[in-house]
Amino acid sequence: MPALETERPILRKFGQDDLIDIIAWGAFAVEQSPEIQTQEFLDYCFREYRERGIGPWAIKWKEVKAIAGNCGFPHLYL
């Protein structure tokens, strides 16, 4: 899965080093610790990359050097 680079954002695979940026999103429920939920999300991403060759893209903003979110392509059935 190659990285896609534009003037401001870079779309790329998630890496284990992105854990802190993802926790900072504050997007997870409070049933479990944010660290556990974030690691589960990253494990899902890594599994998708390994098994399907594609998965969620990390959106990294060059200006702040942080992961600001994620995006991806839905499963398309023609």
C-alpha atoms as a PDB file:
ATOM      1  CA  MET A   1       0.000   0.000   0.000  1.00  0.00           C
ATOM      2  CA  PRO A   2       1.944   3.065  -1.192  1.00  0.00           C
ATOM      3  CA  ALA A   3       1.800   6.441   0.531  1.00  0.00           C
ATOM      4  CA  LEU A   4       0.003   9.270  -1.270  1.00  0.00           C
ATOM      5  CA  GLU A   5       1.502  12.710  -0.727  1.00  0.00           C
ATOM      6  CA  THR A   6      -0.077  16.081  -1.462  1.00  0.00           C
ATOM      7  CA  GLU A   7       0.902  19.624  -0.577  1.00  0.00           C
ATOM      8  CA  ARG A   8      -0.505  19.376   2.973  1.00  0.00           C
ATOM      9  CA  PRO A   9      -1.576  15.857   3.953  1.00  0.00           C
ATOM     10  CA  ILE A  10       0.101  12.509   3.460  1.00  0.00           C
ATOM     11  CA  LEU A  11      -2.080   9.392   3.278  1.00  0.00           C
ATOM     12  CA  ARG A  12      -0.152   6.341   4.433  1.00  0.00           C
ATOM     13  CA  LYS A  13      -0.345   3.105   6.393  1.00  0.00           C
ATOM     14  CA  PHE A  14      -0.660   3.371  10.136  1.00  0.00           C
ATOM     15  CA  GLY A  15       2.365   2.410  12.194  1.00  0.00           C
ATOM     16  CA  GLN A  16       2.796   1.484  15.838  1.00  0.00           C
ATOM     17  CA  ASP A  17       4.405   4.914  16.380  1.00  0.00           C
ATOM     18  CA  ASP A  18       1.023   6.538  15.647  1.00  0.00           C
ATOM     19  CA  LEU A  19      -0.482   5.304  18.944  1.00  0.00           C
ATOM     20  CA  ILE A  20      -0.111   8.631  20.808  1.00  0.00           C
ATOM     21  CA  ASP A  21      -1.607  10.697  17.959  1.00  0.00           C
ATOM     22  CA  ILE A  22      -4.621   8.382  17.733  1.00  0.00           C
ATOM     23  CA  ILE A  23      -5.208   8.488  21.493  1.00  0.00           C
ATOM     24  CA  ALA A  24      -5.233  12.304  21.219  1.00  0.00           C
ATOM     25  CA  TRP A  25      -8.299  12.105  18.933  1.00  0.00           C
ATOM     26  CA  GLY A  26     -10.377  11.200  21.991  1.00  0.00           C
ATOM     27  CA  ALA A  27     -12.730   9.216  19.772  1.00  0.00           C
ATOM     28  CA  PHE A  28     -13.008   6.066  21.844  1.00  0.00           C
ATOM     29  CA  ALA A  29     -15.660   5.086  24.379  1.00  0.00           C
ATOM     30  CA  VAL A  30     -14.772   4.961  28.051  1.00  0.00           C
ATOM     31  CA  GLU A  31     -15.475   1.245  28.650  1.00  0.00           C
ATOM     32  CA  GLN A  32     -11.792   0.414  28.150  1.00  0.00           C
ATOM     33  CA  SER A  33      -8.645   2.472  28.412  1.00  0.00           C
ATOM     34  CA  PRO A  34      -7.875   4.607  25.351  1.00  0.00           C
ATOM     35  CA  GLU A  35      -4.554   2.780  24.988  1.00  0.00           C
ATOM     36  CA  ILE A  36      -6.273  -0.621  24.723  1.00  0.00           C
ATOM     37  CA  GLN A  37      -8.892   0.612  22.247  1.00  0.00           C
ATOM     38  CA  THR A  38      -6.257   2.379  20.166  1.00  0.00           C
ATOM     39  CA  GLN A  39      -4.084  -0.733  20.060  1.00  0.00           C
ATOM     40  CA  GLU A  40      -7.122  -2.780  18.971  1.00  0.00           C
ATOM     41  CA  PHE A  41      -7.698  -0.295  16.129  1.00  0.00           C
ATOM     42  CA  LEU A  42      -4.034  -0.504  15.091  1.00  0.00           C
ATOM     43  CA  ASP A  43      -4.120  -4.316  15.253  1.00  0.00           C
ATOM     44  CA  TYR A  44      -7.170  -4.241  12.958  1.00  0.00           C
ATOM     45  CA  CYS A  45      -5.274  -1.982  10.521  1.00  0.00           C
ATOM     46  CA  PHE A  46      -2.200  -4.226  10.546  1.00  0.00           C
ATOM     47  CA  ARG A  47      -4.365  -7.322   9.971  1.00  0.00           C
ATOM     48  CA  GLU A  48      -6.083  -5.657   6.987  1.00  0.00           C
ATOM     49  CA  TYR A  49      -2.725  -4.667   5.475  1.00  0.00           C
ATOM     50  CA  ARG A  50      -1.392  -8.190   5.941  1.00  0.00           C
ATOM     51  CA  GLU A  51      -4.461 -10.132   4.771  1.00  0.00           C
ATOM     52  CA  ARG A  52      -5.936  -7.840   2.116  1.00  0.00           C
ATOM     53  CA  GLY A  53      -3.026  -5.613   1.103  1.00  0.00           C
ATOM     54  CA  ILE A  54      -5.049  -2.490   1.906  1.00  0.00           C
ATOM     55  CA  GLY A  55      -6.704  -0.990   4.961  1.00  0.00           C
ATOM     56  CA  PRO A  56      -7.351   2.309   6.718  1.00  0.00           C
ATOM     57  CA  TRP A  57      -5.131   5.195   5.661  1.00  0.00           C
ATOM     58  CA  ALA A  58      -3.572   7.493   8.238  1.00  0.00           C
ATOM     59  CA  ILE A  59      -4.018  11.180   7.396  1.00  0.00           C
ATOM     60  CA  LYS A  60      -0.863  12.967   8.501  1.00  0.00           C
ATOM     61  CA  TRP A  61      -0.783  16.757   8.294  1.00  0.00           C
ATOM     62  CA  LYS A  62       2.685  17.964   7.327  1.00  0.00           C
ATOM     63  CA  GLU A  63       2.359  21.286   9.163  1.00  0.00           C
ATOM     64  CA  VAL A  64       1.804  19.769  12.597  1.00  0.00           C
ATOM     65  CA  LYS A  65       3.483  16.395  11.924  1.00  0.00           C
ATOM     66  CA  ALA A  66       0.584  14.545  13.537  1.00  0.00           C
ATOM     67  CA  ILE A  67      -2.014  12.002  12.495  1.00  0.00           C
ATOM     68  CA  ALA A  68      -5.270  13.928  12.235  1.00  0.00           C
ATOM     69  CA  GLY A  69      -7.615  11.124  11.249  1.00  0.00           C
ATOM     70  CA  ASN A  70      -8.152   8.198   8.949  1.00  0.00           C
ATOM     71  CA  CYS A  71      -9.946   7.341   5.753  1.00  0.00           C
ATOM     72  CA  GLY A  72     -10.383   4.385   3.484  1.00  0.00           C
ATOM     73  CA  PHE A  73     -12.229   2.753   0.661  1.00  0.00           C
ATOM     74  CA  PRO A  74     -15.362   0.746   1.419  1.00  0.00           C
ATOM     75  CA  HIS A  75     -15.748  -2.802   0.246  1.00  0.00           C
ATOM     76  CA  LEU A  76     -17.196  -2.536  -3.253  1.00  0.00           C
ATOM     77  CA  TYR A  77     -19.111  -5.408  -4.751  1.00  0.00           C
ATOM     78  CA  LEU A  78     -19.898  -5.083  -8.422  1.00  0.00           C
END
